[in-house]
Amino acid sequence: MKSNFINTDEYPEADRQYKDRLFRFVFQKPEDLLSLYNAVNGTDYKDPDALEINTLGNVLYLSMKNDISFLVSGTLNLYEHQSTCNPNMPMRGLFYFSKLYEKYIAVQDINIYSSAAKTFPFPRHVVFYNGTAEEPDRKVLRLSDLYETVPGDSHPSLECETLMLNINYGHNRSLMEKCRRLWTPASGTGF
């Protein structure tokens, strides 16, 4: 497994709640993370070495760290675990993706100022929700829903979508069966 952790040392480490760190701990093994990726995307990748972990480190100006981010098969995956429904996740995702792409461009030595079009990994932001508020199995949160409205027929120049998956007991059964690490039988709830 390749690892390109982004540690922006100029920012001190932000304090996090135990539950937020737990998700990263549970999926620290590449084979478990690949199982989660396969369950979410309906794929059947077998080689955990195909994952390139690039989880953000210390990013105090965001007052958070992202839980897990990784590249696999041309997709830049950003996975978060939340015990509260947060409609602002697309904005947070935008900040995370911005830093991840900045690092990717530097590591790959991509000249974004050239006249030739460059290709970049496909972004995928997923939030695994296991809070107490009732939420649907799947919910798409959009950055454009957070913008102030402007008169006329204007469309925003910037979008970021977050897929929220409810992993509480009784929700997303197929996903839970495909990735057993998401389901904790002892608690009777997801994760």
N, C-alpha and C. Protein backbone atom coordinates (compact mmCIF):
# COMPACT_ATOMS: atom_id res chain seq x y z
N MET A 1 0.84 -1.18 0.00
CA MET A 1 0.00 0.00 0.00
C MET A 1 0.88 1.24 0.00
N LYS A 2 0.63 2.15 -0.91
CA LYS A 2 1.35 3.41 -0.96
C LYS A 2 0.70 4.39 0.01
N SER A 3 1.46 5.32 0.54
CA SER A 3 0.92 6.29 1.47
C SER A 3 1.49 7.67 1.20
N ASN A 4 0.62 8.64 0.98
CA ASN A 4 1.03 10.02 0.77
C ASN A 4 0.28 10.90 1.75
N PHE A 5 0.55 10.74 3.05
CA PHE A 5 -0.13 11.54 4.05
C PHE A 5 0.26 13.00 3.89
N ILE A 6 -0.73 13.86 3.97
CA ILE A 6 -0.49 15.29 3.88
C ILE A 6 -0.44 15.82 5.31
N ASN A 7 0.71 16.23 5.75
CA ASN A 7 0.85 16.81 7.07
C ASN A 7 1.29 18.26 6.93
N THR A 8 0.36 19.15 7.07
CA THR A 8 0.70 20.57 6.97
C THR A 8 1.19 20.99 8.35
N ASP A 9 2.49 20.85 8.56
CA ASP A 9 3.09 21.05 9.87
C ASP A 9 2.96 22.47 10.39
N GLU A 10 2.69 23.42 9.52
CA GLU A 10 2.58 24.79 10.00
C GLU A 10 1.32 25.00 10.84
N TYR A 11 0.42 24.02 10.85
CA TYR A 11 -0.80 24.11 11.64
C TYR A 11 -0.73 23.10 12.78
N PRO A 12 -0.99 23.52 14.02
CA PRO A 12 -1.01 22.54 15.11
C PRO A 12 -2.16 21.57 14.93
N GLU A 13 -2.04 20.41 15.53
CA GLU A 13 -3.06 19.38 15.39
C GLU A 13 -4.34 19.78 16.11
N ALA A 14 -5.47 19.59 15.44
CA ALA A 14 -6.77 19.90 16.02
C ALA A 14 -7.24 18.75 16.89
N ASP A 15 -7.92 19.06 17.98
CA ASP A 15 -8.46 18.03 18.86
C ASP A 15 -9.73 17.48 18.25
N ARG A 16 -9.92 16.16 18.33
CA ARG A 16 -11.07 15.51 17.72
C ARG A 16 -11.79 14.66 18.77
N GLN A 17 -13.06 14.40 18.55
CA GLN A 17 -13.83 13.51 19.40
C GLN A 17 -13.46 12.07 19.11
N TYR A 18 -13.61 11.20 20.11
CA TYR A 18 -13.28 9.78 19.98
C TYR A 18 -14.01 9.13 18.82
N LYS A 19 -15.31 9.41 18.68
CA LYS A 19 -16.11 8.74 17.66
C LYS A 19 -15.60 9.06 16.26
N ASP A 20 -15.12 10.29 16.05
CA ASP A 20 -14.59 10.66 14.74
C ASP A 20 -13.31 9.91 14.44
N ARG A 21 -12.45 9.70 15.45
CA ARG A 21 -11.20 8.96 15.25
C ARG A 21 -11.46 7.48 15.07
N LEU A 22 -12.55 6.98 15.65
CA LEU A 22 -12.85 5.55 15.60
C LEU A 22 -12.97 5.04 14.17
N PHE A 23 -13.62 5.80 13.30
CA PHE A 23 -13.80 5.38 11.91
C PHE A 23 -12.46 5.15 11.24
N ARG A 24 -11.54 6.08 11.44
CA ARG A 24 -10.21 5.94 10.83
C ARG A 24 -9.51 4.71 11.40
N PHE A 25 -9.69 4.45 12.68
CA PHE A 25 -9.06 3.29 13.32
C PHE A 25 -9.62 1.98 12.76
N VAL A 26 -10.93 1.89 12.61
CA VAL A 26 -11.58 0.67 12.15
C VAL A 26 -11.16 0.33 10.72
N PHE A 27 -10.94 1.33 9.91
CA PHE A 27 -10.59 1.08 8.51
C PHE A 27 -9.13 1.40 8.20
N GLN A 28 -8.26 1.15 9.16
CA GLN A 28 -6.83 1.42 8.93
C GLN A 28 -6.15 0.34 8.11
N LYS A 29 -6.70 -0.87 8.09
CA LYS A 29 -6.12 -1.94 7.27
C LYS A 29 -6.59 -1.76 5.83
N PRO A 30 -5.66 -1.84 4.88
CA PRO A 30 -6.02 -1.63 3.47
C PRO A 30 -7.11 -2.58 2.99
N GLU A 31 -7.10 -3.83 3.43
CA GLU A 31 -8.13 -4.77 2.96
C GLU A 31 -9.52 -4.39 3.47
N ASP A 32 -9.60 -3.81 4.69
CA ASP A 32 -10.90 -3.36 5.20
C ASP A 32 -11.38 -2.12 4.44
N LEU A 33 -10.45 -1.23 4.14
CA LEU A 33 -10.81 -0.03 3.38
C LEU A 33 -11.24 -0.39 1.97
N LEU A 34 -10.56 -1.36 1.36
CA LEU A 34 -10.95 -1.81 0.03
C LEU A 34 -12.33 -2.47 0.06
N SER A 35 -12.62 -3.21 1.12
CA SER A 35 -13.94 -3.82 1.29
C SER A 35 -15.03 -2.74 1.37
N LEU A 36 -14.74 -1.67 2.10
CA LEU A 36 -15.68 -0.56 2.21
C LEU A 36 -15.87 0.11 0.85
N TYR A 37 -14.78 0.36 0.14
CA TYR A 37 -14.86 0.95 -1.19
C TYR A 37 -15.71 0.09 -2.12
N ASN A 38 -15.45 -1.21 -2.12
CA ASN A 38 -16.21 -2.13 -2.98
C ASN A 38 -17.69 -2.11 -2.62
N ALA A 39 -18.01 -2.09 -1.33
CA ALA A 39 -19.41 -2.09 -0.90
C ALA A 39 -20.13 -0.81 -1.34
N VAL A 40 -19.47 0.31 -1.22
CA VAL A 40 -20.07 1.60 -1.58
C VAL A 40 -20.25 1.73 -3.08
N ASN A 41 -19.28 1.23 -3.85
CA ASN A 41 -19.27 1.46 -5.29
C ASN A 41 -19.72 0.28 -6.14
N GLY A 42 -20.06 -0.84 -5.51
CA GLY A 42 -20.50 -2.01 -6.27
C GLY A 42 -19.39 -2.59 -7.11
N THR A 43 -18.15 -2.49 -6.64
CA THR A 43 -17.00 -3.02 -7.37
C THR A 43 -16.49 -4.27 -6.66
N ASP A 44 -15.49 -4.89 -7.24
CA ASP A 44 -14.94 -6.12 -6.67
C ASP A 44 -13.41 -6.14 -6.78
N TYR A 45 -12.78 -5.02 -6.39
CA TYR A 45 -11.33 -4.97 -6.42
C TYR A 45 -10.76 -5.89 -5.35
N LYS A 46 -9.67 -6.55 -5.68
CA LYS A 46 -9.08 -7.55 -4.78
C LYS A 46 -7.74 -7.11 -4.17
N ASP A 47 -7.00 -6.23 -4.86
CA ASP A 47 -5.64 -5.90 -4.45
C ASP A 47 -5.61 -4.65 -3.57
N PRO A 48 -5.45 -4.82 -2.24
CA PRO A 48 -5.39 -3.65 -1.36
C PRO A 48 -4.20 -2.73 -1.65
N ASP A 49 -3.18 -3.26 -2.33
CA ASP A 49 -2.03 -2.42 -2.68
C ASP A 49 -2.38 -1.40 -3.77
N ALA A 50 -3.54 -1.55 -4.38
CA ALA A 50 -3.99 -0.58 -5.39
C ALA A 50 -4.45 0.73 -4.73
N LEU A 51 -4.67 0.70 -3.42
CA LEU A 51 -5.07 1.91 -2.70
C LEU A 51 -3.86 2.79 -2.44
N GLU A 52 -4.03 4.07 -2.65
CA GLU A 52 -3.01 5.04 -2.27
C GLU A 52 -3.63 5.97 -1.24
N ILE A 53 -3.28 5.79 0.03
CA ILE A 53 -3.84 6.59 1.12
C ILE A 53 -3.26 8.00 1.05
N ASN A 54 -4.11 9.01 1.17
CA ASN A 54 -3.65 10.40 1.17
C ASN A 54 -4.45 11.24 2.16
N THR A 55 -4.77 10.66 3.30
CA THR A 55 -5.56 11.31 4.34
C THR A 55 -4.90 12.60 4.81
N LEU A 56 -5.70 13.64 4.96
CA LEU A 56 -5.18 14.92 5.43
C LEU A 56 -4.74 14.81 6.88
N GLY A 57 -3.65 15.46 7.19
CA GLY A 57 -3.13 15.48 8.56
C GLY A 57 -3.64 16.68 9.32
N ASN A 58 -2.73 17.52 9.74
CA ASN A 58 -3.06 18.67 10.58
C ASN A 58 -3.55 19.84 9.75
N VAL A 59 -4.82 20.15 9.88
CA VAL A 59 -5.39 21.26 9.13
C VAL A 59 -6.25 22.06 10.09
N LEU A 60 -5.61 22.83 10.96
CA LEU A 60 -6.33 23.54 12.02
C LEU A 60 -7.27 24.60 11.47
N TYR A 61 -6.89 25.25 10.36
CA TYR A 61 -7.77 26.31 9.86
C TYR A 61 -9.12 25.76 9.47
N LEU A 62 -9.22 24.44 9.27
CA LEU A 62 -10.52 23.82 9.02
C LEU A 62 -11.15 23.33 10.31
N SER A 63 -10.39 23.37 11.42
CA SER A 63 -10.81 22.86 12.72
C SER A 63 -11.21 21.39 12.65
N MET A 64 -10.57 20.64 11.75
CA MET A 64 -10.92 19.23 11.59
C MET A 64 -9.85 18.53 10.78
N LYS A 65 -9.91 17.22 10.81
CA LYS A 65 -9.13 16.38 9.91
C LYS A 65 -10.15 15.55 9.16
N ASN A 66 -9.81 15.17 7.95
CA ASN A 66 -10.73 14.26 7.30
C ASN A 66 -10.43 12.86 7.81
N ASP A 67 -11.42 11.99 7.78
CA ASP A 67 -11.26 10.66 8.34
C ASP A 67 -10.37 9.80 7.46
N ILE A 68 -10.76 9.61 6.22
CA ILE A 68 -9.99 8.76 5.31
C ILE A 68 -10.12 9.32 3.90
N SER A 69 -8.99 9.43 3.21
CA SER A 69 -9.04 9.74 1.79
C SER A 69 -7.99 8.88 1.09
N PHE A 70 -8.35 8.46 -0.11
CA PHE A 70 -7.47 7.56 -0.84
C PHE A 70 -7.80 7.58 -2.33
N LEU A 71 -6.81 7.21 -3.12
CA LEU A 71 -6.97 7.05 -4.56
C LEU A 71 -7.07 5.57 -4.88
N VAL A 72 -7.99 5.23 -5.76
CA VAL A 72 -8.07 3.88 -6.30
C VAL A 72 -8.79 3.96 -7.63
N SER A 73 -8.23 3.32 -8.63
CA SER A 73 -8.84 3.23 -9.95
C SER A 73 -9.30 4.58 -10.50
N GLY A 74 -8.46 5.61 -10.38
CA GLY A 74 -8.78 6.92 -10.95
C GLY A 74 -9.81 7.71 -10.17
N THR A 75 -10.15 7.28 -8.95
CA THR A 75 -11.13 7.97 -8.13
C THR A 75 -10.48 8.46 -6.84
N LEU A 76 -10.68 9.74 -6.54
CA LEU A 76 -10.21 10.33 -5.29
C LEU A 76 -11.36 10.25 -4.30
N ASN A 77 -11.23 9.35 -3.34
CA ASN A 77 -12.30 9.08 -2.38
C ASN A 77 -12.05 9.81 -1.08
N LEU A 78 -13.08 10.45 -0.58
CA LEU A 78 -13.03 11.15 0.70
C LEU A 78 -14.17 10.58 1.53
N TYR A 79 -13.83 9.84 2.58
CA TYR A 79 -14.84 9.20 3.43
C TYR A 79 -14.80 9.83 4.82
N GLU A 80 -15.98 10.19 5.31
CA GLU A 80 -16.13 10.80 6.63
C GLU A 80 -17.14 10.00 7.43
N HIS A 81 -16.99 10.03 8.74
CA HIS A 81 -17.96 9.43 9.65
C HIS A 81 -18.54 10.54 10.51
N GLN A 82 -19.86 10.62 10.60
CA GLN A 82 -20.52 11.66 11.37
C GLN A 82 -21.62 11.07 12.24
N SER A 83 -21.68 11.53 13.48
CA SER A 83 -22.77 11.11 14.35
C SER A 83 -23.85 12.18 14.42
N THR A 84 -23.67 13.26 13.69
CA THR A 84 -24.71 14.27 13.54
C THR A 84 -24.86 14.57 12.05
N CYS A 85 -26.06 14.88 11.65
CA CYS A 85 -26.29 15.24 10.26
C CYS A 85 -25.81 16.68 10.08
N ASN A 86 -24.88 16.87 9.18
CA ASN A 86 -24.30 18.20 8.97
C ASN A 86 -24.50 18.61 7.51
N PRO A 87 -25.43 19.52 7.25
CA PRO A 87 -25.68 19.94 5.88
C PRO A 87 -24.51 20.70 5.26
N ASN A 88 -23.51 21.07 6.07
CA ASN A 88 -22.35 21.81 5.58
C ASN A 88 -21.23 20.91 5.08
N MET A 89 -21.45 19.60 5.05
CA MET A 89 -20.41 18.68 4.61
C MET A 89 -19.90 18.97 3.19
N PRO A 90 -20.75 19.41 2.25
CA PRO A 90 -20.21 19.73 0.92
C PRO A 90 -19.16 20.85 0.97
N MET A 91 -19.35 21.85 1.83
CA MET A 91 -18.36 22.92 1.95
C MET A 91 -17.07 22.36 2.55
N ARG A 92 -17.21 21.52 3.57
CA ARG A 92 -16.02 20.89 4.15
C ARG A 92 -15.34 20.01 3.11
N GLY A 93 -16.14 19.28 2.32
CA GLY A 93 -15.59 18.45 1.26
C GLY A 93 -14.81 19.28 0.25
N LEU A 94 -15.34 20.44 -0.09
CA LEU A 94 -14.65 21.34 -1.02
C LEU A 94 -13.27 21.71 -0.48
N PHE A 95 -13.19 22.07 0.80
CA PHE A 95 -11.90 22.40 1.41
C PHE A 95 -10.95 21.21 1.37
N TYR A 96 -11.46 20.04 1.74
CA TYR A 96 -10.62 18.84 1.73
C TYR A 96 -10.11 18.54 0.32
N PHE A 97 -11.04 18.52 -0.65
CA PHE A 97 -10.66 18.22 -2.02
C PHE A 97 -9.63 19.23 -2.54
N SER A 98 -9.81 20.48 -2.20
CA SER A 98 -8.87 21.50 -2.63
C SER A 98 -7.45 21.16 -2.17
N LYS A 99 -7.30 20.79 -0.93
CA LYS A 99 -5.98 20.42 -0.40
C LYS A 99 -5.47 19.12 -1.03
N LEU A 100 -6.37 18.14 -1.20
CA LEU A 100 -5.96 16.87 -1.80
C LEU A 100 -5.50 17.05 -3.25
N TYR A 101 -6.25 17.84 -4.02
CA TYR A 101 -5.85 18.09 -5.41
C TYR A 101 -4.56 18.91 -5.47
N GLU A 102 -4.40 19.86 -4.57
CA GLU A 102 -3.18 20.65 -4.52
C GLU A 102 -1.97 19.73 -4.33
N LYS A 103 -2.09 18.78 -3.42
CA LYS A 103 -1.01 17.83 -3.17
C LYS A 103 -0.80 16.92 -4.38
N TYR A 104 -1.90 16.42 -4.95
CA TYR A 104 -1.83 15.53 -6.11
C TYR A 104 -1.10 16.22 -7.27
N ILE A 105 -1.44 17.46 -7.55
CA ILE A 105 -0.82 18.22 -8.63
C ILE A 105 0.68 18.39 -8.38
N ALA A 106 1.05 18.66 -7.14
CA ALA A 106 2.46 18.83 -6.80
C ALA A 106 3.22 17.51 -6.93
N VAL A 107 2.66 16.43 -6.39
CA VAL A 107 3.34 15.13 -6.43
C VAL A 107 3.48 14.62 -7.86
N GLN A 108 2.43 14.82 -8.68
CA GLN A 108 2.45 14.36 -10.07
C GLN A 108 3.17 15.35 -10.99
N ASP A 109 3.56 16.50 -10.45
CA ASP A 109 4.24 17.54 -11.21
C ASP A 109 3.43 17.93 -12.46
N ILE A 110 2.16 18.24 -12.22
CA ILE A 110 1.24 18.63 -13.30
C ILE A 110 1.29 20.15 -13.48
N ASN A 111 1.50 20.57 -14.68
CA ASN A 111 1.51 22.00 -14.99
C ASN A 111 0.10 22.44 -15.36
N ILE A 112 -0.61 23.01 -14.40
CA ILE A 112 -1.99 23.45 -14.66
C ILE A 112 -2.04 24.77 -15.41
N TYR A 113 -0.88 25.37 -15.68
CA TYR A 113 -0.83 26.62 -16.42
C TYR A 113 -0.55 26.43 -17.91
N SER A 114 -0.39 25.17 -18.30
CA SER A 114 -0.13 24.90 -19.72
C SER A 114 -1.43 25.02 -20.51
N SER A 115 -1.31 25.08 -21.83
CA SER A 115 -2.51 25.19 -22.68
C SER A 115 -3.15 23.83 -22.95
N ALA A 116 -2.49 22.75 -22.53
CA ALA A 116 -3.05 21.41 -22.72
C ALA A 116 -3.94 21.03 -21.54
N ALA A 117 -5.08 20.41 -21.85
CA ALA A 117 -5.99 19.97 -20.79
C ALA A 117 -5.35 18.82 -20.02
N LYS A 118 -5.47 18.85 -18.71
CA LYS A 118 -4.93 17.80 -17.85
C LYS A 118 -6.11 17.00 -17.29
N THR A 119 -5.86 15.78 -16.89
CA THR A 119 -6.91 14.98 -16.26
C THR A 119 -6.58 14.79 -14.78
N PHE A 120 -7.63 14.68 -13.99
CA PHE A 120 -7.50 14.57 -12.55
C PHE A 120 -8.41 13.45 -12.05
N PRO A 121 -8.10 12.87 -10.90
CA PRO A 121 -8.95 11.81 -10.37
C PRO A 121 -10.38 12.30 -10.15
N PHE A 122 -11.31 11.40 -10.36
CA PHE A 122 -12.74 11.68 -10.17
C PHE A 122 -13.02 11.81 -8.67
N PRO A 123 -13.64 12.92 -8.20
CA PRO A 123 -13.88 13.09 -6.76
C PRO A 123 -15.14 12.36 -6.29
N ARG A 124 -15.05 11.74 -5.12
CA ARG A 124 -16.20 11.04 -4.52
C ARG A 124 -16.17 11.29 -3.02
N HIS A 125 -17.17 12.02 -2.50
CA HIS A 125 -17.25 12.35 -1.07
C HIS A 125 -18.43 11.59 -0.46
N VAL A 126 -18.13 10.75 0.52
CA VAL A 126 -19.16 9.94 1.18
C VAL A 126 -19.08 10.16 2.68
N VAL A 127 -20.23 10.38 3.28
CA VAL A 127 -20.34 10.50 4.74
C VAL A 127 -21.15 9.33 5.25
N PHE A 128 -20.61 8.64 6.24
CA PHE A 128 -21.30 7.53 6.89
C PHE A 128 -21.90 8.08 8.18
N TYR A 129 -23.23 8.07 8.23
CA TYR A 129 -23.97 8.69 9.34
C TYR A 129 -24.51 7.62 10.28
N ASN A 130 -24.31 7.79 11.58
CA ASN A 130 -24.91 6.89 12.56
C ASN A 130 -25.42 7.63 13.79
N GLY A 131 -26.00 8.80 13.57
CA GLY A 131 -26.55 9.58 14.68
C GLY A 131 -27.94 9.13 15.07
N THR A 132 -28.53 9.86 16.00
CA THR A 132 -29.84 9.49 16.54
C THR A 132 -31.01 10.11 15.77
N ALA A 133 -30.77 11.16 15.01
CA ALA A 133 -31.85 11.78 14.23
C ALA A 133 -32.21 10.85 13.08
N GLU A 134 -33.49 10.77 12.77
CA GLU A 134 -33.94 9.91 11.67
C GLU A 134 -33.52 10.51 10.34
N GLU A 135 -32.80 9.72 9.56
CA GLU A 135 -32.33 10.14 8.24
C GLU A 135 -32.60 9.00 7.26
N PRO A 136 -32.76 9.31 5.98
CA PRO A 136 -32.99 8.26 4.98
C PRO A 136 -31.72 7.43 4.78
N ASP A 137 -31.86 6.32 4.07
CA ASP A 137 -30.70 5.47 3.76
C ASP A 137 -29.63 6.26 3.00
N ARG A 138 -30.07 7.02 2.02
CA ARG A 138 -29.16 7.81 1.17
C ARG A 138 -29.68 9.24 1.08
N LYS A 139 -28.77 10.15 1.09
CA LYS A 139 -29.14 11.56 0.96
C LYS A 139 -27.98 12.27 0.27
N VAL A 140 -28.28 13.04 -0.76
CA VAL A 140 -27.24 13.81 -1.44
C VAL A 140 -27.31 15.24 -0.94
N LEU A 141 -26.19 15.71 -0.42
CA LEU A 141 -26.06 17.09 0.04
C LEU A 141 -25.27 17.85 -1.02
N ARG A 142 -25.74 19.03 -1.38
CA ARG A 142 -25.09 19.81 -2.44
C ARG A 142 -24.63 21.16 -1.91
N LEU A 143 -23.44 21.53 -2.32
CA LEU A 143 -22.90 22.84 -1.95
C LEU A 143 -23.82 23.94 -2.46
N SER A 144 -24.37 23.76 -3.64
CA SER A 144 -25.23 24.81 -4.24
C SER A 144 -26.47 25.07 -3.39
N ASP A 145 -26.88 24.11 -2.56
CA ASP A 145 -28.02 24.34 -1.67
C ASP A 145 -27.68 25.30 -0.53
N LEU A 146 -26.40 25.55 -0.32
CA LEU A 146 -25.95 26.43 0.76
C LEU A 146 -25.71 27.86 0.29
N TYR A 147 -25.72 28.09 -1.03
CA TYR A 147 -25.46 29.42 -1.55
C TYR A 147 -26.66 30.34 -1.33
N GLU A 148 -26.36 31.61 -1.19
CA GLU A 148 -27.43 32.60 -1.17
C GLU A 148 -28.07 32.62 -2.55
N THR A 149 -29.33 32.90 -2.59
CA THR A 149 -30.00 32.95 -3.89
C THR A 149 -29.75 34.32 -4.53
N VAL A 150 -29.62 34.30 -5.83
CA VAL A 150 -29.45 35.54 -6.57
C VAL A 150 -30.59 35.66 -7.56
N PRO A 151 -31.01 36.87 -7.85
CA PRO A 151 -32.11 37.03 -8.80
C PRO A 151 -31.70 36.61 -10.20
N GLY A 152 -32.68 36.18 -10.95
CA GLY A 152 -32.42 35.81 -12.33
C GLY A 152 -32.20 34.32 -12.47
N ASP A 153 -31.68 33.96 -13.62
CA ASP A 153 -31.50 32.55 -13.96
C ASP A 153 -30.02 32.16 -13.86
N SER A 154 -29.37 32.54 -12.77
CA SER A 154 -27.95 32.25 -12.59
C SER A 154 -27.75 30.86 -12.02
N HIS A 155 -26.68 30.23 -12.46
CA HIS A 155 -26.28 28.93 -11.93
C HIS A 155 -24.90 29.08 -11.31
N PRO A 156 -24.66 28.41 -10.18
CA PRO A 156 -23.36 28.57 -9.53
C PRO A 156 -22.23 27.99 -10.39
N SER A 157 -21.07 28.60 -10.27
CA SER A 157 -19.89 28.15 -11.00
C SER A 157 -19.17 27.03 -10.26
N LEU A 158 -19.61 26.71 -9.07
CA LEU A 158 -18.91 25.74 -8.25
C LEU A 158 -19.92 24.81 -7.57
N GLU A 159 -19.64 23.51 -7.62
CA GLU A 159 -20.51 22.52 -6.98
C GLU A 159 -19.65 21.47 -6.30
N CYS A 160 -20.14 20.93 -5.23
CA CYS A 160 -19.53 19.79 -4.55
C CYS A 160 -20.68 18.99 -3.95
N GLU A 161 -20.71 17.70 -4.23
CA GLU A 161 -21.77 16.85 -3.71
C GLU A 161 -21.21 15.87 -2.69
N THR A 162 -22.00 15.63 -1.67
CA THR A 162 -21.66 14.68 -0.62
C THR A 162 -22.78 13.65 -0.55
N LEU A 163 -22.43 12.38 -0.62
CA LEU A 163 -23.41 11.31 -0.46
C LEU A 163 -23.38 10.89 1.00
N MET A 164 -24.51 11.05 1.68
CA MET A 164 -24.61 10.62 3.07
C MET A 164 -25.31 9.26 3.11
N LEU A 165 -24.65 8.27 3.70
CA LEU A 165 -25.21 6.93 3.84
C LEU A 165 -25.49 6.66 5.31
N ASN A 166 -26.74 6.32 5.62
CA ASN A 166 -27.13 6.01 6.99
C ASN A 166 -26.69 4.59 7.32
N ILE A 167 -25.84 4.43 8.34
CA ILE A 167 -25.36 3.10 8.71
C ILE A 167 -25.93 2.65 10.05
N ASN A 168 -27.04 3.24 10.46
CA ASN A 168 -27.73 2.78 11.66
C ASN A 168 -28.43 1.46 11.38
N TYR A 169 -28.73 0.73 12.43
CA TYR A 169 -29.41 -0.55 12.31
C TYR A 169 -30.70 -0.38 11.50
N GLY A 170 -30.91 -1.28 10.55
CA GLY A 170 -32.10 -1.25 9.72
C GLY A 170 -31.96 -0.42 8.45
N HIS A 171 -30.84 0.24 8.28
CA HIS A 171 -30.60 1.07 7.09
C HIS A 171 -29.49 0.44 6.24
N ASN A 172 -29.59 0.62 4.94
CA ASN A 172 -28.57 0.18 3.99
C ASN A 172 -28.08 -1.24 4.24
N ARG A 173 -29.02 -2.14 4.38
CA ARG A 173 -28.71 -3.53 4.70
C ARG A 173 -27.72 -4.16 3.71
N SER A 174 -27.90 -3.91 2.43
CA SER A 174 -27.01 -4.47 1.42
C SER A 174 -25.58 -3.98 1.62
N LEU A 175 -25.42 -2.70 1.90
CA LEU A 175 -24.10 -2.14 2.15
C LEU A 175 -23.47 -2.80 3.37
N MET A 176 -24.25 -2.97 4.43
CA MET A 176 -23.75 -3.59 5.67
C MET A 176 -23.33 -5.04 5.43
N GLU A 177 -24.09 -5.74 4.61
CA GLU A 177 -23.74 -7.14 4.33
C GLU A 177 -22.48 -7.26 3.49
N LYS A 178 -22.26 -6.29 2.62
CA LYS A 178 -21.07 -6.32 1.78
C LYS A 178 -19.81 -5.90 2.53
N CYS A 179 -19.97 -5.08 3.57
CA CYS A 179 -18.84 -4.63 4.38
C CYS A 179 -19.20 -4.79 5.84
N ARG A 180 -18.90 -5.95 6.38
CA ARG A 180 -19.29 -6.29 7.76
C ARG A 180 -18.64 -5.38 8.80
N ARG A 181 -17.53 -4.73 8.49
CA ARG A 181 -16.87 -3.84 9.45
C ARG A 181 -17.75 -2.63 9.76
N LEU A 182 -18.71 -2.31 8.90
CA LEU A 182 -19.62 -1.20 9.18
C LEU A 182 -20.64 -1.54 10.25
N TRP A 183 -20.91 -2.81 10.43
CA TRP A 183 -21.99 -3.24 11.32
C TRP A 183 -21.42 -3.84 12.58
N THR A 184 -21.91 -3.38 13.73
CA THR A 184 -21.47 -3.90 15.01
C THR A 184 -22.64 -4.61 15.66
N PRO A 185 -22.71 -5.94 15.58
CA PRO A 185 -23.85 -6.68 16.13
C PRO A 185 -24.07 -6.46 17.62
N ALA A 186 -23.00 -6.28 18.38
CA ALA A 186 -23.13 -6.10 19.81
C ALA A 186 -23.96 -4.86 20.16
N SER A 187 -23.79 -3.81 19.38
CA SER A 187 -24.52 -2.58 19.67
C SER A 187 -25.86 -2.55 18.97
N GLY A 188 -26.05 -3.42 17.97
CA GLY A 188 -27.31 -3.42 17.23
C GLY A 188 -27.44 -2.25 16.28
N THR A 189 -26.39 -1.50 16.11
CA THR A 189 -26.43 -0.35 15.21
C THR A 189 -25.24 -0.40 14.28
N GLY A 190 -25.32 0.41 13.26
CA GLY A 190 -24.19 0.52 12.35
C GLY A 190 -23.01 1.14 13.08
N PHE A 191 -21.83 0.61 12.78
CA PHE A 191 -20.56 1.09 13.26
C PHE A 191 -20.57 1.23 14.75
